[in-house]
Structure formats: structure tokens, C-alpha cells
N, C-alpha and C. Protein backbone atom coordinates (compact mmCIF):
# COMPACT_ATOMS: atom_id res chain seq x y z
N MET A 1 20.09 85.48 49.63
CA MET A 1 21.24 86.01 48.94
C MET A 1 21.46 87.47 49.33
N LEU A 2 22.59 87.93 49.01
CA LEU A 2 23.00 89.28 49.36
C LEU A 2 22.21 90.32 48.57
N ASP A 3 21.77 91.34 49.26
CA ASP A 3 21.09 92.45 48.61
C ASP A 3 21.70 93.74 49.14
N ILE A 4 22.81 94.16 48.53
CA ILE A 4 23.51 95.34 49.03
C ILE A 4 23.45 96.50 48.07
N GLY A 5 22.72 96.36 46.99
CA GLY A 5 22.58 97.47 46.07
C GLY A 5 23.80 97.71 45.21
N VAL A 6 24.47 96.66 44.80
CA VAL A 6 25.61 96.80 43.89
C VAL A 6 25.08 97.23 42.53
N LEU A 7 25.69 98.25 41.97
CA LEU A 7 25.28 98.74 40.66
C LEU A 7 26.09 98.01 39.59
N GLY A 8 25.43 97.20 38.82
CA GLY A 8 26.10 96.45 37.77
C GLY A 8 26.58 95.11 38.26
N PRO A 9 27.23 94.38 37.37
CA PRO A 9 27.69 93.03 37.72
C PRO A 9 28.89 93.07 38.67
N VAL A 10 29.02 92.05 39.49
CA VAL A 10 30.17 91.91 40.38
C VAL A 10 31.23 91.13 39.61
N VAL A 11 32.39 91.74 39.43
CA VAL A 11 33.49 91.11 38.71
C VAL A 11 34.78 91.26 39.50
N ALA A 12 35.74 90.41 39.18
CA ALA A 12 37.05 90.48 39.83
C ALA A 12 38.10 90.60 38.74
N TRP A 13 39.15 91.37 39.04
CA TRP A 13 40.23 91.59 38.08
C TRP A 13 41.55 91.28 38.73
N ARG A 14 42.50 90.72 37.94
CA ARG A 14 43.87 90.51 38.41
C ARG A 14 44.80 90.81 37.25
N GLU A 15 45.70 91.73 37.46
CA GLU A 15 46.70 92.11 36.46
C GLU A 15 46.05 92.44 35.12
N GLY A 16 44.95 93.17 35.16
CA GLY A 16 44.29 93.62 33.95
C GLY A 16 43.39 92.62 33.27
N ALA A 17 43.27 91.42 33.83
CA ALA A 17 42.41 90.39 33.24
C ALA A 17 41.24 90.10 34.16
N GLN A 18 40.06 89.99 33.57
CA GLN A 18 38.87 89.66 34.36
C GLN A 18 38.91 88.19 34.73
N LEU A 19 38.65 87.90 36.00
CA LEU A 19 38.65 86.53 36.49
C LEU A 19 37.25 85.95 36.39
N PRO A 20 37.15 84.68 36.06
CA PRO A 20 35.83 84.06 35.99
C PRO A 20 35.27 83.82 37.40
N LEU A 21 34.05 84.21 37.62
CA LEU A 21 33.35 83.92 38.86
C LEU A 21 32.27 82.91 38.50
N ARG A 22 32.43 81.71 38.98
CA ARG A 22 31.53 80.63 38.61
C ARG A 22 30.39 80.52 39.62
N GLY A 23 29.29 81.10 39.30
CA GLY A 23 28.11 80.94 40.14
C GLY A 23 27.79 82.16 40.99
N GLY A 24 26.55 82.22 41.36
CA GLY A 24 26.04 83.34 42.14
C GLY A 24 26.62 83.43 43.53
N ARG A 25 26.93 82.31 44.13
CA ARG A 25 27.48 82.33 45.49
C ARG A 25 28.85 83.01 45.51
N GLN A 26 29.69 82.74 44.51
CA GLN A 26 30.99 83.39 44.47
C GLN A 26 30.84 84.89 44.31
N ARG A 27 29.94 85.32 43.44
CA ARG A 27 29.71 86.75 43.26
C ARG A 27 29.14 87.36 44.55
N ALA A 28 28.24 86.63 45.20
CA ALA A 28 27.65 87.13 46.45
C ALA A 28 28.71 87.25 47.54
N LEU A 29 29.60 86.26 47.62
CA LEU A 29 30.67 86.32 48.62
C LEU A 29 31.62 87.48 48.35
N LEU A 30 31.99 87.66 47.09
CA LEU A 30 32.87 88.76 46.74
C LEU A 30 32.22 90.10 47.08
N ALA A 31 30.96 90.25 46.77
CA ALA A 31 30.24 91.49 47.10
C ALA A 31 30.14 91.67 48.61
N ALA A 32 29.89 90.57 49.34
CA ALA A 32 29.78 90.64 50.81
C ALA A 32 31.09 91.09 51.43
N LEU A 33 32.20 90.65 50.86
CA LEU A 33 33.51 91.07 51.36
C LEU A 33 33.81 92.52 50.96
N ALA A 34 33.37 92.90 49.79
CA ALA A 34 33.64 94.27 49.31
C ALA A 34 32.92 95.33 50.13
N VAL A 35 31.79 94.96 50.72
CA VAL A 35 31.04 95.91 51.55
C VAL A 35 31.91 96.44 52.68
N ASP A 36 32.74 95.57 53.23
CA ASP A 36 33.62 95.95 54.34
C ASP A 36 35.08 95.81 53.92
N ALA A 37 35.42 96.30 52.74
CA ALA A 37 36.78 96.17 52.20
C ALA A 37 37.82 96.63 53.20
N GLY A 38 38.83 95.81 53.38
CA GLY A 38 39.92 96.15 54.29
C GLY A 38 39.67 95.78 55.74
N ALA A 39 38.49 95.29 56.04
CA ALA A 39 38.16 94.92 57.43
C ALA A 39 37.96 93.41 57.53
N VAL A 40 38.12 92.90 58.72
CA VAL A 40 37.84 91.50 58.99
C VAL A 40 36.33 91.36 59.13
N VAL A 41 35.75 90.44 58.36
CA VAL A 41 34.30 90.23 58.40
C VAL A 41 34.06 88.85 59.02
N PRO A 42 33.35 88.78 60.15
CA PRO A 42 33.09 87.49 60.80
C PRO A 42 32.34 86.53 59.88
N GLY A 43 32.62 85.26 60.04
CA GLY A 43 31.98 84.23 59.23
C GLY A 43 30.48 84.26 59.29
N ASP A 44 29.92 84.47 60.48
CA ASP A 44 28.46 84.47 60.59
C ASP A 44 27.84 85.63 59.82
N VAL A 45 28.55 86.74 59.73
CA VAL A 45 28.06 87.88 58.94
C VAL A 45 28.09 87.52 57.47
N LEU A 46 29.17 86.89 57.02
CA LEU A 46 29.25 86.48 55.62
C LEU A 46 28.17 85.46 55.27
N VAL A 47 27.94 84.52 56.15
CA VAL A 47 26.90 83.51 55.91
C VAL A 47 25.55 84.20 55.75
N GLU A 48 25.26 85.14 56.63
CA GLU A 48 23.98 85.85 56.55
C GLU A 48 23.88 86.64 55.25
N ARG A 49 24.96 87.29 54.86
CA ARG A 49 24.93 88.09 53.63
C ARG A 49 24.80 87.23 52.38
N VAL A 50 25.44 86.08 52.37
CA VAL A 50 25.44 85.23 51.18
C VAL A 50 24.19 84.37 51.09
N TRP A 51 23.74 83.78 52.20
CA TRP A 51 22.62 82.86 52.16
C TRP A 51 21.32 83.42 52.72
N GLY A 52 21.39 84.48 53.49
CA GLY A 52 20.17 85.06 54.05
C GLY A 52 19.42 84.06 54.91
N ASP A 53 18.14 83.93 54.68
CA ASP A 53 17.29 83.01 55.46
C ASP A 53 17.39 81.57 55.00
N ARG A 54 18.05 81.32 53.88
CA ARG A 54 18.13 79.98 53.31
C ARG A 54 19.49 79.36 53.62
N LEU A 55 19.76 79.15 54.90
CA LEU A 55 21.05 78.64 55.34
C LEU A 55 21.26 77.20 54.90
N PRO A 56 22.49 76.87 54.49
CA PRO A 56 22.81 75.48 54.18
C PRO A 56 22.90 74.67 55.47
N ALA A 57 22.88 73.35 55.35
CA ALA A 57 22.91 72.48 56.54
C ALA A 57 24.12 72.76 57.42
N ASN A 58 25.30 72.88 56.85
CA ASN A 58 26.51 73.18 57.60
C ASN A 58 27.06 74.50 57.06
N ALA A 59 26.60 75.59 57.63
CA ALA A 59 26.92 76.92 57.10
C ALA A 59 28.41 77.21 57.12
N ALA A 60 29.11 76.83 58.17
CA ALA A 60 30.55 77.10 58.25
C ALA A 60 31.30 76.37 57.14
N ASN A 61 30.95 75.13 56.90
CA ASN A 61 31.60 74.35 55.85
C ASN A 61 31.26 74.92 54.48
N ALA A 62 30.00 75.28 54.27
CA ALA A 62 29.58 75.86 53.00
C ALA A 62 30.33 77.16 52.72
N LEU A 63 30.50 77.99 53.74
CA LEU A 63 31.25 79.24 53.58
C LEU A 63 32.70 78.95 53.23
N GLN A 64 33.31 78.00 53.93
CA GLN A 64 34.70 77.64 53.65
C GLN A 64 34.85 77.17 52.21
N GLN A 65 33.92 76.38 51.72
CA GLN A 65 33.98 75.90 50.33
C GLN A 65 33.90 77.06 49.35
N GLN A 66 33.03 78.01 49.62
CA GLN A 66 32.91 79.16 48.73
C GLN A 66 34.16 80.03 48.76
N VAL A 67 34.77 80.18 49.93
CA VAL A 67 36.01 80.94 50.04
C VAL A 67 37.11 80.25 49.24
N LEU A 68 37.22 78.93 49.37
CA LEU A 68 38.23 78.18 48.61
C LEU A 68 38.03 78.35 47.10
N LYS A 69 36.79 78.26 46.65
CA LYS A 69 36.49 78.42 45.23
C LYS A 69 36.83 79.83 44.75
N LEU A 70 36.51 80.81 45.57
CA LEU A 70 36.79 82.19 45.19
C LEU A 70 38.29 82.46 45.14
N ARG A 71 39.04 81.88 46.04
CA ARG A 71 40.48 82.09 46.08
C ARG A 71 41.20 81.46 44.89
N ARG A 72 40.61 80.37 44.37
CA ARG A 72 41.21 79.72 43.19
C ARG A 72 41.15 80.66 42.03
């Protein structure tokens, strides 16, 4: 999992309302994207930041699923 030294919980806001983040992977993905806010982050970098040494069987598909969940 991501270890970037975020101080406090990772949360998302839209129009003044806190959005629910369901699960650690969504929070890890959001934090991984926030590290390079405004920049394009390659998928392999995100996979490494979110899963570390414990890669899922199909990392690209797992990342896509987490992105879809986060976007909802």
C-alpha cells in the first residue's frame, strides 16, 4: 500500500460535501494521484503506489476497477 506520509485521513470533497471513499484502495489511489496533482501519472506508477509488493494478478485491470470506483 501507499506510504507517502499523508497527515490525517484522505478525504474527497465536491461542492462542500464529503464524498464516501469505500475502502483502503480508493483512499490509496486518491492519495497516489494527489502526490502528483495536475500531472499525468503512469499506470505502473499508480499500481506500485497502491499495491506495492503485493500486486494483484492482473494489475492493469485492478487499477482500472479502482479508478472506475473512485470516479463514481
